[in-house]
Amino acid sequence: MRRLFYYLINNIREHLMLYLMLWLLLALADIAYLYFS
């Protein structure tokens, strides 16, 4: 049971990092678009 719990936490942490990186890329693209338009 505990192993499954740790597995889920690790998965969520990895996906959270991916989502944060994607969100930062989108935010940067949006700022660049507003800046250069």
Protein backbone atom coordinates (compact mmCIF):
# COMPACT_ATOMS: atom_id res chain seq x y z
CA MET A 1 0.00 0.00 0.00
CA ARG A 2 2.73 2.45 0.98
CA ARG A 3 4.70 1.57 -2.17
CA LEU A 4 1.68 2.46 -4.32
CA PHE A 5 1.34 5.74 -2.42
CA TYR A 6 4.98 6.66 -3.08
CA TYR A 7 4.60 5.64 -6.73
CA LEU A 8 1.59 7.96 -7.14
CA ILE A 9 3.39 10.85 -5.41
CA ASN A 10 6.44 10.44 -7.66
CA ASN A 11 4.24 10.34 -10.78
CA ILE A 12 2.33 13.45 -9.71
CA ARG A 13 5.58 15.28 -8.94
CA GLU A 14 7.06 14.44 -12.36
CA HIS A 15 3.90 15.47 -14.19
CA LEU A 16 3.67 18.65 -12.12
CA MET A 17 7.18 19.59 -13.29
CA LEU A 18 6.18 18.90 -16.91
CA TYR A 19 3.03 20.99 -16.58
CA LEU A 20 4.97 23.85 -14.96
CA MET A 21 7.53 23.81 -17.78
CA LEU A 22 4.79 23.79 -20.44
CA TRP A 23 2.97 26.63 -18.67
CA LEU A 24 6.16 28.69 -18.50
CA LEU A 25 6.78 28.12 -22.22
CA LEU A 26 3.24 29.23 -23.04
CA ALA A 27 3.57 32.30 -20.81
CA LEU A 28 6.88 33.25 -22.45
CA ALA A 29 5.40 32.79 -25.93
CA ASP A 30 2.43 34.96 -24.95
CA ILE A 31 4.68 37.71 -23.56
CA ALA A 32 6.92 37.61 -26.65
CA TYR A 33 3.85 37.81 -28.91
CA LEU A 34 2.50 40.84 -27.05
CA TYR A 35 5.95 42.45 -26.98
CA PHE A 36 6.71 42.03 -30.70
CA SER A 37 3.24 42.71 -32.10
